[in-house]
């Protein structure tokens, strides 16, 4: 009797939010942990192995077509690719606008394209984006469409991106682009019988967020929390619960959707005590 092939989960970016989702869905499956830094992937794998998961560390450069293809090939060599969790990101206080657009916009588009070619029927994916995309004013319909469907290799050449130099603006455009790319990708993923959605978290207390709090933007972050309806930051576990639901069969009618989970910071931005930030 032929041995049944294992189900495979790929986590790109091994931070606490990605792990919170992966821990909820990866029992009994092969969990591939892909990070730009192999040390991070190996550290996460050791922790998961000690708690009963089958975890395999590897590296990926989400801005390289060859590297992403190699990760896809490795994933399907291990079994049926049933779940993708993409969390790789670049912090706006640590890099340039060009780097943000390359990692956050182009990199995500590349992940959607390549993993959409190999996801198993009945599978599902999550792109972990950001509430930053919900801060951006409305774009022209033609600009929305360009962000959504421009071929991946031509995406960074869009005229609307040429003069963006502010990392915060770059992050907003990239995250809005993530939502639009997922809406479009839902069609190609759906042709394979699979689903893809976006989660847009607000301020979540991760090690990266704590570092941001001690930087130049720390005061802005504290103000956003204080003036939000929830009055607190979120936790990786709260994002993990939503991610696990969206990747489960209970959510099999949900695809191409963006879920804002920010404690109401966006509400305060447009209708509360943060309105002065954009008026």
C-alpha atoms as a PDB file:
ATOM      1  CA  UNK A   1       0.000   0.000   0.000  1.00  0.00           C
ATOM      2  CA  UNK A   2       1.409   3.397  -1.020  1.00  0.00           C
ATOM      3  CA  UNK A   3       2.281   5.709   1.847  1.00  0.00           C
ATOM      4  CA  UNK A   4       0.100   8.820   2.013  1.00  0.00           C
ATOM      5  CA  UNK A   5       2.014  12.048   1.356  1.00  0.00           C
ATOM      6  CA  UNK A   6       2.206  14.556   4.185  1.00  0.00           C
ATOM      7  CA  UNK A   7       0.459  17.899   4.239  1.00  0.00           C
ATOM      8  CA  UNK A   8       2.864  20.826   4.117  1.00  0.00           C
ATOM      9  CA  UNK A   9       2.596  24.301   5.659  1.00  0.00           C
ATOM     10  CA  UNK A  10       4.996  27.044   4.543  1.00  0.00           C
ATOM     11  CA  UNK A  11       5.640  29.953   6.893  1.00  0.00           C
ATOM     12  CA  UNK A  12       7.598  32.822   5.330  1.00  0.00           C
ATOM     13  CA  UNK A  13       9.001  35.090   8.008  1.00  0.00           C
ATOM     14  CA  UNK A  14       9.451  33.367  11.357  1.00  0.00           C
ATOM     15  CA  UNK A  15       8.372  36.113  13.741  1.00  0.00           C
ATOM     16  CA  UNK A  16       5.869  35.751  16.554  1.00  0.00           C
ATOM     17  CA  UNK A  17       2.739  36.489  14.484  1.00  0.00           C
ATOM     18  CA  UNK A  18       3.566  33.868  11.874  1.00  0.00           C
ATOM     19  CA  UNK A  19       4.400  31.324  14.551  1.00  0.00           C
ATOM     20  CA  UNK A  20       1.146  32.055  16.393  1.00  0.00           C
ATOM     21  CA  UNK A  21      -0.789  31.130  13.242  1.00  0.00           C
ATOM     22  CA  UNK A  22       1.420  28.175  12.344  1.00  0.00           C
ATOM     23  CA  UNK A  23       1.187  26.559  15.777  1.00  0.00           C
ATOM     24  CA  UNK A  24      -2.587  26.418  15.463  1.00  0.00           C
ATOM     25  CA  UNK A  25      -2.692  24.651  12.105  1.00  0.00           C
ATOM     26  CA  UNK A  26       0.528  22.618  11.744  1.00  0.00           C
ATOM     27  CA  UNK A  27       0.084  19.655  14.113  1.00  0.00           C
ATOM     28  CA  UNK A  28       0.643  16.455  12.159  1.00  0.00           C
ATOM     29  CA  UNK A  29       1.922  18.376   9.134  1.00  0.00           C
ATOM     30  CA  UNK A  30       5.380  19.311   7.864  1.00  0.00           C
ATOM     31  CA  UNK A  31       6.030  22.958   8.737  1.00  0.00           C
ATOM     32  CA  UNK A  32       8.642  24.652   6.565  1.00  0.00           C
ATOM     33  CA  UNK A  33      10.055  27.762   8.228  1.00  0.00           C
ATOM     34  CA  UNK A  34      11.529  30.112   5.617  1.00  0.00           C
ATOM     35  CA  UNK A  35      13.337  33.286   6.630  1.00  0.00           C
ATOM     36  CA  UNK A  36      15.906  35.602   5.063  1.00  0.00           C
ATOM     37  CA  UNK A  37      18.082  34.776   8.083  1.00  0.00           C
ATOM     38  CA  UNK A  38      18.783  31.054   8.527  1.00  0.00           C
ATOM     39  CA  UNK A  39      19.647  31.563  12.205  1.00  0.00           C
ATOM     40  CA  UNK A  40      16.129  32.890  12.830  1.00  0.00           C
ATOM     41  CA  UNK A  41      14.580  29.942  11.006  1.00  0.00           C
ATOM     42  CA  UNK A  42      16.696  27.416  12.904  1.00  0.00           C
ATOM     43  CA  UNK A  43      15.920  29.028  16.268  1.00  0.00           C
ATOM     44  CA  UNK A  44      12.194  28.902  15.553  1.00  0.00           C
ATOM     45  CA  UNK A  45      12.461  25.309  14.315  1.00  0.00           C
ATOM     46  CA  UNK A  46      14.209  24.174  17.510  1.00  0.00           C
ATOM     47  CA  UNK A  47      11.459  25.693  19.636  1.00  0.00           C
ATOM     48  CA  UNK A  48       8.725  24.028  17.564  1.00  0.00           C
ATOM     49  CA  UNK A  49      10.495  20.662  17.449  1.00  0.00           C
ATOM     50  CA  UNK A  50      10.671  20.656  21.250  1.00  0.00           C
ATOM     51  CA  UNK A  51       6.874  20.995  21.412  1.00  0.00           C
ATOM     52  CA  UNK A  52       6.033  18.186  19.007  1.00  0.00           C
ATOM     53  CA  UNK A  53       5.923  19.857  15.589  1.00  0.00           C
ATOM     54  CA  UNK A  54       7.777  18.667  12.493  1.00  0.00           C
ATOM     55  CA  UNK A  55       9.659  21.838  11.615  1.00  0.00           C
ATOM     56  CA  UNK A  56      12.154  22.289   8.791  1.00  0.00           C
ATOM     57  CA  UNK A  57      14.200  25.510   8.612  1.00  0.00           C
ATOM     58  CA  UNK A  58      15.349  27.062   5.334  1.00  0.00           C
ATOM     59  CA  UNK A  59      16.064  30.427   3.753  1.00  0.00           C
ATOM     60  CA  UNK A  60      14.248  32.544   1.182  1.00  0.00           C
ATOM     61  CA  UNK A  61      14.722  35.937  -0.406  1.00  0.00           C
ATOM     62  CA  UNK A  62      11.202  37.098  -1.255  1.00  0.00           C
ATOM     63  CA  UNK A  63      12.584  39.636  -3.740  1.00  0.00           C
ATOM     64  CA  UNK A  64      14.251  36.903  -5.830  1.00  0.00           C
ATOM     65  CA  UNK A  65      12.167  34.901  -8.309  1.00  0.00           C
ATOM     66  CA  UNK A  66      14.753  32.121  -8.262  1.00  0.00           C
ATOM     67  CA  UNK A  67      14.766  31.927  -4.452  1.00  0.00           C
ATOM     68  CA  UNK A  68      10.956  31.857  -4.202  1.00  0.00           C
ATOM     69  CA  UNK A  69      10.792  29.168  -6.905  1.00  0.00           C
ATOM     70  CA  UNK A  70      13.347  27.097  -4.995  1.00  0.00           C
ATOM     71  CA  UNK A  71      11.196  27.340  -1.863  1.00  0.00           C
ATOM     72  CA  UNK A  72       8.088  26.284  -3.826  1.00  0.00           C
ATOM     73  CA  UNK A  73       9.955  23.309  -5.299  1.00  0.00           C
ATOM     74  CA  UNK A  74      11.200  22.268  -1.877  1.00  0.00           C
ATOM     75  CA  UNK A  75       7.726  22.556  -0.366  1.00  0.00           C
ATOM     76  CA  UNK A  76       6.054  20.318  -2.950  1.00  0.00           C
ATOM     77  CA  UNK A  77       8.916  17.820  -2.710  1.00  0.00           C
ATOM     78  CA  UNK A  78       7.895  17.282   0.934  1.00  0.00           C
ATOM     79  CA  UNK A  79       4.208  16.568   0.279  1.00  0.00           C
ATOM     80  CA  UNK A  80       0.955  18.341  -0.540  1.00  0.00           C
ATOM     81  CA  UNK A  81       1.264  22.107  -0.041  1.00  0.00           C
ATOM     82  CA  UNK A  82      -1.955  22.867   1.821  1.00  0.00           C
ATOM     83  CA  UNK A  83      -1.218  26.154   3.615  1.00  0.00           C
ATOM     84  CA  UNK A  84       0.843  29.293   3.088  1.00  0.00           C
ATOM     85  CA  UNK A  85       1.464  31.943   5.761  1.00  0.00           C
ATOM     86  CA  UNK A  86       3.396  34.947   4.457  1.00  0.00           C
ATOM     87  CA  UNK A  87       4.590  37.462   7.056  1.00  0.00           C
ATOM     88  CA  UNK A  88       7.929  38.770   5.734  1.00  0.00           C
ATOM     89  CA  UNK A  89       8.159  42.546   6.108  1.00  0.00           C
ATOM     90  CA  UNK A  90      10.478  45.544   6.320  1.00  0.00           C
ATOM     91  CA  UNK A  91      10.122  48.150   9.076  1.00  0.00           C
ATOM     92  CA  UNK A  92       9.781  51.738   7.731  1.00  0.00           C
ATOM     93  CA  UNK A  93      12.136  53.128  10.382  1.00  0.00           C
ATOM     94  CA  UNK A  94      14.933  50.762   9.351  1.00  0.00           C
ATOM     95  CA  UNK A  95      15.004  51.002   5.564  1.00  0.00           C
ATOM     96  CA  UNK A  96      14.266  53.096   2.470  1.00  0.00           C
ATOM     97  CA  UNK A  97      11.075  53.588   0.499  1.00  0.00           C
ATOM     98  CA  UNK A  98      12.574  51.613  -2.391  1.00  0.00           C
ATOM     99  CA  UNK A  99      13.418  48.677  -0.141  1.00  0.00           C
ATOM    100  CA  UNK A 100       9.908  48.688   1.338  1.00  0.00           C
ATOM    101  CA  UNK A 101       8.268  48.652  -2.081  1.00  0.00           C
ATOM    102  CA  UNK A 102      10.603  45.869  -3.196  1.00  0.00           C
ATOM    103  CA  UNK A 103      10.006  43.624  -0.172  1.00  0.00           C
ATOM    104  CA  UNK A 104       6.416  44.460   0.716  1.00  0.00           C
ATOM    105  CA  UNK A 105       4.852  45.000  -2.722  1.00  0.00           C
ATOM    106  CA  UNK A 106       6.973  43.125  -5.245  1.00  0.00           C
ATOM    107  CA  UNK A 107       7.897  40.342  -2.796  1.00  0.00           C
ATOM    108  CA  UNK A 108       4.275  39.707  -1.858  1.00  0.00           C
ATOM    109  CA  UNK A 109       3.219  39.725  -5.513  1.00  0.00           C
ATOM    110  CA  UNK A 110       5.920  37.167  -6.257  1.00  0.00           C
ATOM    111  CA  UNK A 111       4.805  34.921  -3.386  1.00  0.00           C
ATOM    112  CA  UNK A 112       1.174  35.091  -4.558  1.00  0.00           C
ATOM    113  CA  UNK A 113       2.176  34.234  -8.109  1.00  0.00           C
ATOM    114  CA  UNK A 114       4.551  31.336  -7.433  1.00  0.00           C
ATOM    115  CA  UNK A 115       2.650  29.677  -4.584  1.00  0.00           C
ATOM    116  CA  UNK A 116      -0.584  30.118  -6.512  1.00  0.00           C
ATOM    117  CA  UNK A 117       0.940  27.792  -9.109  1.00  0.00           C
ATOM    118  CA  UNK A 118       1.516  24.945  -6.636  1.00  0.00           C
ATOM    119  CA  UNK A 119      -1.072  25.203  -3.838  1.00  0.00           C
ATOM    120  CA  UNK A 120      -3.118  22.026  -3.417  1.00  0.00           C
ATOM    121  CA  UNK A 121      -6.842  21.974  -4.145  1.00  0.00           C
ATOM    122  CA  UNK A 122      -8.635  22.706  -0.886  1.00  0.00           C
ATOM    123  CA  UNK A 123      -5.626  24.652   0.372  1.00  0.00           C
ATOM    124  CA  UNK A 124      -5.520  28.194   1.690  1.00  0.00           C
ATOM    125  CA  UNK A 125      -3.114  31.048   2.204  1.00  0.00           C
ATOM    126  CA  UNK A 126      -2.777  34.125   4.393  1.00  0.00           C
ATOM    127  CA  UNK A 127      -0.852  37.294   3.620  1.00  0.00           C
ATOM    128  CA  UNK A 128      -0.155  39.175   6.859  1.00  0.00           C
ATOM    129  CA  UNK A 129      -0.197  42.821   5.801  1.00  0.00           C
ATOM    130  CA  UNK A 130      -0.825  45.937   7.947  1.00  0.00           C
ATOM    131  CA  UNK A 131      -3.399  48.519   8.942  1.00  0.00           C
ATOM    132  CA  UNK A 132      -1.117  51.030   7.168  1.00  0.00           C
ATOM    133  CA  UNK A 133      -2.882  50.174   3.921  1.00  0.00           C
ATOM    134  CA  UNK A 134      -6.140  51.445   5.415  1.00  0.00           C
ATOM    135  CA  UNK A 135      -4.647  54.898   6.117  1.00  0.00           C
ATOM    136  CA  UNK A 136      -4.119  55.699   2.452  1.00  0.00           C
ATOM    137  CA  UNK A 137      -6.729  57.936   0.797  1.00  0.00           C
ATOM    138  CA  UNK A 138      -8.670  56.453  -2.105  1.00  0.00           C
ATOM    139  CA  UNK A 139      -6.687  55.934  -5.297  1.00  0.00           C
ATOM    140  CA  UNK A 140      -8.009  56.348  -8.808  1.00  0.00           C
ATOM    141  CA  UNK A 141      -9.735  53.228 -10.125  1.00  0.00           C
ATOM    142  CA  UNK A 142      -7.039  52.876 -12.783  1.00  0.00           C
ATOM    143  CA  UNK A 143      -4.328  52.966 -10.092  1.00  0.00           C
ATOM    144  CA  UNK A 144      -6.115  50.295  -8.057  1.00  0.00           C
ATOM    145  CA  UNK A 145      -6.269  48.109 -11.145  1.00  0.00           C
ATOM    146  CA  UNK A 146      -2.608  48.672 -11.948  1.00  0.00           C
ATOM    147  CA  UNK A 147      -1.576  47.631  -8.430  1.00  0.00           C
ATOM    148  CA  UNK A 148      -3.841  44.579  -8.636  1.00  0.00           C
ATOM    149  CA  UNK A 149      -3.017  43.076 -12.013  1.00  0.00           C
ATOM    150  CA  UNK A 150       0.238  44.514 -13.398  1.00  0.00           C
ATOM    151  CA  UNK A 151       2.566  41.557 -14.113  1.00  0.00           C
ATOM    152  CA  UNK A 152       4.877  41.005 -11.171  1.00  0.00           C
ATOM    153  CA  UNK A 153       8.106  41.807 -13.001  1.00  0.00           C
ATOM    154  CA  UNK A 154       6.704  45.166 -14.171  1.00  0.00           C
ATOM    155  CA  UNK A 155       5.089  46.144 -10.877  1.00  0.00           C
ATOM    156  CA  UNK A 156       7.865  48.377  -9.536  1.00  0.00           C
ATOM    157  CA  UNK A 157       7.921  50.316 -12.800  1.00  0.00           C
ATOM    158  CA  UNK A 158       4.443  51.742 -12.310  1.00  0.00           C
ATOM    159  CA  UNK A 159       4.440  55.564 -12.761  1.00  0.00           C
ATOM    160  CA  UNK A 160       2.603  56.014  -9.445  1.00  0.00           C
ATOM    161  CA  UNK A 161       5.591  54.538  -7.575  1.00  0.00           C
ATOM    162  CA  UNK A 162       8.405  56.496  -9.214  1.00  0.00           C
ATOM    163  CA  UNK A 163       8.517  59.479  -6.899  1.00  0.00           C
ATOM    164  CA  UNK A 164       7.752  57.864  -3.549  1.00  0.00           C
ATOM    165  CA  UNK A 165      10.639  58.641  -1.200  1.00  0.00           C
ATOM    166  CA  UNK A 166       8.932  58.608   2.207  1.00  0.00           C
ATOM    167  CA  UNK A 167       9.103  55.143   3.831  1.00  0.00           C
ATOM    168  CA  UNK A 168       5.720  55.613   5.544  1.00  0.00           C
ATOM    169  CA  UNK A 169       4.020  56.474   2.255  1.00  0.00           C
ATOM    170  CA  UNK A 170       5.782  53.526   0.620  1.00  0.00           C
ATOM    171  CA  UNK A 171       4.447  51.238   3.348  1.00  0.00           C
ATOM    172  CA  UNK A 172       0.895  52.529   2.865  1.00  0.00           C
ATOM    173  CA  UNK A 173       1.033  51.984  -0.901  1.00  0.00           C
ATOM    174  CA  UNK A 174       2.617  48.554  -0.513  1.00  0.00           C
ATOM    175  CA  UNK A 175       0.014  47.384   1.985  1.00  0.00           C
ATOM    176  CA  UNK A 176      -2.867  48.732  -0.109  1.00  0.00           C
ATOM    177  CA  UNK A 177      -1.251  46.882  -2.985  1.00  0.00           C
ATOM    178  CA  UNK A 178      -1.196  43.660  -0.944  1.00  0.00           C
ATOM    179  CA  UNK A 179      -4.968  43.801  -0.542  1.00  0.00           C
ATOM    180  CA  UNK A 180      -5.532  44.490  -4.232  1.00  0.00           C
ATOM    181  CA  UNK A 181      -3.110  41.750  -5.337  1.00  0.00           C
ATOM    182  CA  UNK A 182      -4.890  39.245  -3.105  1.00  0.00           C
ATOM    183  CA  UNK A 183      -8.274  40.232  -4.532  1.00  0.00           C
ATOM    184  CA  UNK A 184      -6.948  39.528  -8.016  1.00  0.00           C
ATOM    185  CA  UNK A 185      -5.038  36.390  -6.954  1.00  0.00           C
ATOM    186  CA  UNK A 186      -8.239  34.920  -5.475  1.00  0.00           C
ATOM    187  CA  UNK A 187      -9.247  34.211  -9.075  1.00  0.00           C
ATOM    188  CA  UNK A 188      -6.138  32.220 -10.006  1.00  0.00           C
ATOM    189  CA  UNK A 189      -6.000  30.475  -6.631  1.00  0.00           C
ATOM    190  CA  UNK A 190      -9.686  29.691  -6.979  1.00  0.00           C
ATOM    191  CA  UNK A 191      -9.036  28.033 -10.348  1.00  0.00           C
ATOM    192  CA  UNK A 192      -6.933  25.522  -8.379  1.00  0.00           C
ATOM    193  CA  UNK A 193      -9.651  25.100  -5.759  1.00  0.00           C
ATOM    194  CA  UNK A 194      -7.720  27.122  -3.181  1.00  0.00           C
ATOM    195  CA  UNK A 195      -8.317  30.321  -1.189  1.00  0.00           C
ATOM    196  CA  UNK A 196      -6.194  33.370  -0.330  1.00  0.00           C
ATOM    197  CA  UNK A 197      -6.918  36.221   2.121  1.00  0.00           C
ATOM    198  CA  UNK A 198      -5.233  39.163   3.842  1.00  0.00           C
ATOM    199  CA  UNK A 199      -4.989  40.019   7.523  1.00  0.00           C
ATOM    200  CA  UNK A 200      -4.169  43.676   8.291  1.00  0.00           C
ATOM    201  CA  UNK A 201      -3.007  43.832  11.933  1.00  0.00           C
ATOM    202  CA  UNK A 202      -2.621  47.038  13.872  1.00  0.00           C
ATOM    203  CA  UNK A 203      -0.024  47.576  16.598  1.00  0.00           C
ATOM    204  CA  UNK A 204       0.842  44.092  17.828  1.00  0.00           C
ATOM    205  CA  UNK A 205       3.347  43.620  20.644  1.00  0.00           C
ATOM    206  CA  UNK A 206       6.095  41.706  18.916  1.00  0.00           C
ATOM    207  CA  UNK A 207       9.858  42.128  19.445  1.00  0.00           C
ATOM    208  CA  UNK A 208       9.968  44.285  16.277  1.00  0.00           C
ATOM    209  CA  UNK A 209       7.144  46.483  17.612  1.00  0.00           C
ATOM    210  CA  UNK A 210       8.929  46.940  20.931  1.00  0.00           C
ATOM    211  CA  UNK A 211      11.979  48.092  18.999  1.00  0.00           C
ATOM    212  CA  UNK A 212       9.824  50.565  17.067  1.00  0.00           C
ATOM    213  CA  UNK A 213       8.450  51.913  20.356  1.00  0.00           C
ATOM    214  CA  UNK A 214      11.962  52.892  21.420  1.00  0.00           C
ATOM    215  CA  UNK A 215      12.658  54.659  18.116  1.00  0.00           C
ATOM    216  CA  UNK A 216      11.611  58.008  16.616  1.00  0.00           C
ATOM    217  CA  UNK A 217       8.068  56.795  15.924  1.00  0.00           C
ATOM    218  CA  UNK A 218       7.496  55.547  19.467  1.00  0.00           C
ATOM    219  CA  UNK A 219       5.418  58.561  20.515  1.00  0.00           C
ATOM    220  CA  UNK A 220       3.101  58.170  17.536  1.00  0.00           C
ATOM    221  CA  UNK A 221       2.560  54.496  18.321  1.00  0.00           C
ATOM    222  CA  UNK A 222       1.718  55.251  21.952  1.00  0.00           C
ATOM    223  CA  UNK A 223      -0.737  57.961  20.904  1.00  0.00           C
ATOM    224  CA  UNK A 224      -2.461  55.614  18.446  1.00  0.00           C
ATOM    225  CA  UNK A 225      -2.918  53.027  21.190  1.00  0.00           C
ATOM    226  CA  UNK A 226      -4.144  55.552  23.772  1.00  0.00           C
ATOM    227  CA  UNK A 227      -6.743  57.043  21.412  1.00  0.00           C
ATOM    228  CA  UNK A 228      -7.986  53.774  19.928  1.00  0.00           C
ATOM    229  CA  UNK A 229     -11.304  52.260  21.102  1.00  0.00           C
ATOM    230  CA  UNK A 230      -9.492  49.195  22.471  1.00  0.00           C
ATOM    231  CA  UNK A 231      -6.940  51.344  24.324  1.00  0.00           C
ATOM    232  CA  UNK A 232      -4.224  48.703  24.065  1.00  0.00           C
ATOM    233  CA  UNK A 233      -1.930  46.930  21.639  1.00  0.00           C
ATOM    234  CA  UNK A 234      -2.830  43.526  20.267  1.00  0.00           C
ATOM    235  CA  UNK A 235      -1.063  40.221  20.829  1.00  0.00           C
ATOM    236  CA  UNK A 236       0.310  37.701  18.326  1.00  0.00           C
ATOM    237  CA  UNK A 237      -2.146  35.152  19.733  1.00  0.00           C
ATOM    238  CA  UNK A 238      -5.108  37.303  18.667  1.00  0.00           C
ATOM    239  CA  UNK A 239      -3.789  37.415  15.112  1.00  0.00           C
ATOM    240  CA  UNK A 240      -3.098  33.703  15.355  1.00  0.00           C
ATOM    241  CA  UNK A 241      -6.735  32.970  16.170  1.00  0.00           C
ATOM    242  CA  UNK A 242      -7.988  34.896  13.140  1.00  0.00           C
ATOM    243  CA  UNK A 243      -5.355  33.384  10.866  1.00  0.00           C
ATOM    244  CA  UNK A 244      -6.172  29.850  11.965  1.00  0.00           C
ATOM    245  CA  UNK A 245      -9.867  30.448  11.299  1.00  0.00           C
ATOM    246  CA  UNK A 246      -9.234  31.793   7.802  1.00  0.00           C
ATOM    247  CA  UNK A 247      -7.036  28.799   6.988  1.00  0.00           C
ATOM    248  CA  UNK A 248      -9.617  26.321   8.270  1.00  0.00           C
ATOM    249  CA  UNK A 249     -12.491  24.623   6.452  1.00  0.00           C
ATOM    250  CA  UNK A 250     -14.879  26.741   8.534  1.00  0.00           C
ATOM    251  CA  UNK A 251     -13.853  29.678   6.317  1.00  0.00           C
ATOM    252  CA  UNK A 252     -14.105  27.909   2.967  1.00  0.00           C
ATOM    253  CA  UNK A 253     -16.472  30.571   1.562  1.00  0.00           C
ATOM    254  CA  UNK A 254     -14.005  33.380   2.342  1.00  0.00           C
ATOM    255  CA  UNK A 255     -11.427  34.352  -0.277  1.00  0.00           C
ATOM    256  CA  UNK A 256      -9.997  37.578  -1.676  1.00  0.00           C
ATOM    257  CA  UNK A 257     -10.884  39.387   1.560  1.00  0.00           C
ATOM    258  CA  UNK A 258      -8.951  41.778   3.815  1.00  0.00           C
ATOM    259  CA  UNK A 259      -9.494  41.577   7.591  1.00  0.00           C
ATOM    260  CA  UNK A 260      -8.565  44.702   9.556  1.00  0.00           C
ATOM    261  CA  UNK A 261      -7.698  43.803  13.162  1.00  0.00           C
ATOM    262  CA  UNK A 262      -6.280  46.905  14.840  1.00  0.00           C
ATOM    263  CA  UNK A 263      -8.289  47.601  17.997  1.00  0.00           C
ATOM    264  CA  UNK A 264     -10.025  50.470  16.225  1.00  0.00           C
ATOM    265  CA  UNK A 265      -6.942  52.595  15.477  1.00  0.00           C
ATOM    266  CA  UNK A 266      -8.226  53.159  11.941  1.00  0.00           C
ATOM    267  CA  UNK A 267     -11.581  54.251  13.353  1.00  0.00           C
ATOM    268  CA  UNK A 268      -9.795  56.803  15.543  1.00  0.00           C
ATOM    269  CA  UNK A 269      -7.708  57.900  12.564  1.00  0.00           C
ATOM    270  CA  UNK A 270     -10.757  58.909  10.543  1.00  0.00           C
ATOM    271  CA  UNK A 271     -13.411  59.620  13.185  1.00  0.00           C
ATOM    272  CA  UNK A 272     -11.704  60.001  16.571  1.00  0.00           C
ATOM    273  CA  UNK A 273      -8.807  61.633  18.330  1.00  0.00           C
ATOM    274  CA  UNK A 274      -6.280  60.904  15.594  1.00  0.00           C
ATOM    275  CA  UNK A 275      -8.069  62.913  12.888  1.00  0.00           C
ATOM    276  CA  UNK A 276      -5.561  65.735  13.023  1.00  0.00           C
ATOM    277  CA  UNK A 277      -2.927  63.313  11.743  1.00  0.00           C
ATOM    278  CA  UNK A 278      -4.338  63.482   8.247  1.00  0.00           C
ATOM    279  CA  UNK A 279      -6.480  66.641   8.017  1.00  0.00           C
END
